[in-house]
C-alpha atoms as a PDB file:
ATOM      1  CA  UNK A   1     -49.291  12.905-101.903  1.00  0.00           C
ATOM      2  CA  UNK A   2     -46.453  10.576-102.817  1.00  0.00           C
ATOM      3  CA  UNK A   3     -45.500   7.719-100.500  1.00  0.00           C
ATOM      4  CA  UNK A   4     -41.789   8.201-101.264  1.00  0.00           C
ATOM      5  CA  UNK A   5     -39.942  11.464-100.648  1.00  0.00           C
ATOM      6  CA  UNK A   6     -36.286  12.314-100.837  1.00  0.00           C
ATOM      7  CA  UNK A   7     -34.665  14.139 -97.912  1.00  0.00           C
ATOM      8  CA  UNK A   8     -31.125  15.398 -97.495  1.00  0.00           C
ATOM      9  CA  UNK A   9     -29.194  15.316 -94.226  1.00  0.00           C
ATOM     10  CA  UNK A  10     -27.566  18.672 -93.468  1.00  0.00           C
ATOM     11  CA  UNK A  11     -24.017  19.053 -92.173  1.00  0.00           C
ATOM     12  CA  UNK A  12     -25.410  19.429 -88.644  1.00  0.00           C
ATOM     13  CA  UNK A  13     -27.515  16.259 -88.950  1.00  0.00           C
ATOM     14  CA  UNK A  14     -30.829  18.002 -89.561  1.00  0.00           C
ATOM     15  CA  UNK A  15     -33.562  16.540 -91.775  1.00  0.00           C
ATOM     16  CA  UNK A  16     -36.309  18.876 -92.964  1.00  0.00           C
ATOM     17  CA  UNK A  17     -39.766  17.406 -93.435  1.00  0.00           C
ATOM     18  CA  UNK A  18     -41.519  18.751 -96.531  1.00  0.00           C
ATOM     19  CA  UNK A  19     -44.118  21.440 -95.868  1.00  0.00           C
ATOM     20  CA  UNK A  20     -46.849  19.253 -97.369  1.00  0.00           C
ATOM     21  CA  UNK A  21     -46.218  16.579 -94.699  1.00  0.00           C
ATOM     22  CA  UNK A  22     -46.049  19.122 -91.882  1.00  0.00           C
ATOM     23  CA  UNK A  23     -49.369  20.596 -92.938  1.00  0.00           C
ATOM     24  CA  UNK A  24     -51.089  17.262 -93.602  1.00  0.00           C
ATOM     25  CA  UNK A  25     -50.129  15.852 -90.191  1.00  0.00           C
ATOM     26  CA  UNK A  26     -50.321  19.134 -88.251  1.00  0.00           C
ATOM     27  CA  UNK A  27     -46.640  19.016 -87.242  1.00  0.00           C
ATOM     28  CA  UNK A  28     -45.033  22.004 -85.557  1.00  0.00           C
ATOM     29  CA  UNK A  29     -41.541  23.065 -84.446  1.00  0.00           C
ATOM     30  CA  UNK A  30     -40.764  21.430 -81.117  1.00  0.00           C
ATOM     31  CA  UNK A  31     -42.942  18.356 -81.729  1.00  0.00           C
ATOM     32  CA  UNK A  32     -41.329  15.123 -80.523  1.00  0.00           C
ATOM     33  CA  UNK A  33     -40.764  12.110 -82.768  1.00  0.00           C
ATOM     34  CA  UNK A  34     -39.795   8.499 -82.230  1.00  0.00           C
ATOM     35  CA  UNK A  35     -37.117   7.012 -84.497  1.00  0.00           C
ATOM     36  CA  UNK A  36     -37.087   3.253 -84.900  1.00  0.00           C
ATOM     37  CA  UNK A  37     -33.991   1.708 -86.517  1.00  0.00           C
ATOM     38  CA  UNK A  38     -34.896  -1.521 -88.289  1.00  0.00           C
ATOM     39  CA  UNK A  39     -31.421  -2.536 -89.352  1.00  0.00           C
ATOM     40  CA  UNK A  40     -30.763   0.565 -91.415  1.00  0.00           C
ATOM     41  CA  UNK A  41     -34.371   1.231 -92.376  1.00  0.00           C
ATOM     42  CA  UNK A  42     -35.638   4.136 -90.309  1.00  0.00           C
ATOM     43  CA  UNK A  43     -39.222   4.637 -89.215  1.00  0.00           C
ATOM     44  CA  UNK A  44     -40.030   8.140 -87.983  1.00  0.00           C
ATOM     45  CA  UNK A  45     -43.261   8.698 -86.087  1.00  0.00           C
ATOM     46  CA  UNK A  46     -44.697  11.712 -84.268  1.00  0.00           C
ATOM     47  CA  UNK A  47     -44.627  11.004 -80.547  1.00  0.00           C
ATOM     48  CA  UNK A  48     -47.949  11.510 -78.827  1.00  0.00           C
ATOM     49  CA  UNK A  49     -48.033  12.749 -75.285  1.00  0.00           C
ATOM     50  CA  UNK A  50     -48.773  10.294 -72.507  1.00  0.00           C
ATOM     51  CA  UNK A  51     -51.878  12.337 -71.697  1.00  0.00           C
ATOM     52  CA  UNK A  52     -53.264  11.750 -75.202  1.00  0.00           C
ATOM     53  CA  UNK A  53     -52.591   8.024 -74.924  1.00  0.00           C
ATOM     54  CA  UNK A  54     -54.241   7.881 -71.478  1.00  0.00           C
ATOM     55  CA  UNK A  55     -57.279   9.818 -72.732  1.00  0.00           C
ATOM     56  CA  UNK A  56     -57.615   7.352 -75.613  1.00  0.00           C
ATOM     57  CA  UNK A  57     -57.519   4.380 -73.216  1.00  0.00           C
ATOM     58  CA  UNK A  58     -60.137   5.961 -70.950  1.00  0.00           C
ATOM     59  CA  UNK A  59     -62.357   6.725 -73.953  1.00  0.00           C
ATOM     60  CA  UNK A  60     -62.070   3.139 -75.199  1.00  0.00           C
ATOM     61  CA  UNK A  61     -62.898   1.717 -71.773  1.00  0.00           C
ATOM     62  CA  UNK A  62     -65.943   3.952 -71.322  1.00  0.00           C
ATOM     63  CA  UNK A  63     -67.158   3.313 -74.863  1.00  0.00           C
ATOM     64  CA  UNK A  64     -66.832  -0.436 -74.323  1.00  0.00           C
ATOM     65  CA  UNK A  65     -69.126  -0.056 -71.283  1.00  0.00           C
ATOM     66  CA  UNK A  66     -71.687   1.800 -73.400  1.00  0.00           C
ATOM     67  CA  UNK A  67     -70.968   5.192 -71.873  1.00  0.00           C
ATOM     68  CA  UNK A  68     -71.438   8.335 -73.934  1.00  0.00           C
ATOM     69  CA  UNK A  69     -70.818  11.979 -73.207  1.00  0.00           C
ATOM     70  CA  UNK A  70     -74.553  12.385 -72.635  1.00  0.00           C
ATOM     71  CA  UNK A  71     -74.764   9.565 -70.065  1.00  0.00           C
ATOM     72  CA  UNK A  72     -71.739  10.912 -68.201  1.00  0.00           C
ATOM     73  CA  UNK A  73     -73.180  14.449 -68.127  1.00  0.00           C
ATOM     74  CA  UNK A  74     -76.504  13.091 -66.866  1.00  0.00           C
ATOM     75  CA  UNK A  75     -74.734  11.188 -64.074  1.00  0.00           C
ATOM     76  CA  UNK A  76     -72.822  14.353 -63.160  1.00  0.00           C
ATOM     77  CA  UNK A  77     -76.088  16.344 -62.977  1.00  0.00           C
ATOM     78  CA  UNK A  78     -77.664  13.681 -60.762  1.00  0.00           C
ATOM     79  CA  UNK A  79     -74.654  13.635 -58.411  1.00  0.00           C
ATOM     80  CA  UNK A  80     -74.706  17.430 -58.136  1.00  0.00           C
ATOM     81  CA  UNK A  81     -78.420  17.384 -57.305  1.00  0.00           C
ATOM     82  CA  UNK A  82     -77.808  14.686 -54.689  1.00  0.00           C
ATOM     83  CA  UNK A  83     -74.930  16.685 -53.195  1.00  0.00           C
ATOM     84  CA  UNK A  84     -76.950  19.935 -53.175  1.00  0.00           C
ATOM     85  CA  UNK A  85     -79.874  18.168 -51.469  1.00  0.00           C
ATOM     86  CA  UNK A  86     -77.598  17.176 -48.570  1.00  0.00           C
ATOM     87  CA  UNK A  87     -77.003  20.832 -47.888  1.00  0.00           C
END
């Protein structure tokens, strides 16, 4: 895929992203984007939801502590057993 693509602004101000980019980056109608204006040079980036960003931060924090999915599931099982034992 080429790093440089030519786009044309429609009369209504619409830019169409080439199908190859939409498919490569899994972009869909209604997706949000951020547009950064660097003095006439535009940077367009898909906007991730805040939930995705939060999930990434939680994953990084747990990974840094050595947690894995397996250790978290084991802790959950132990807590359930402890709770069930209380009656």
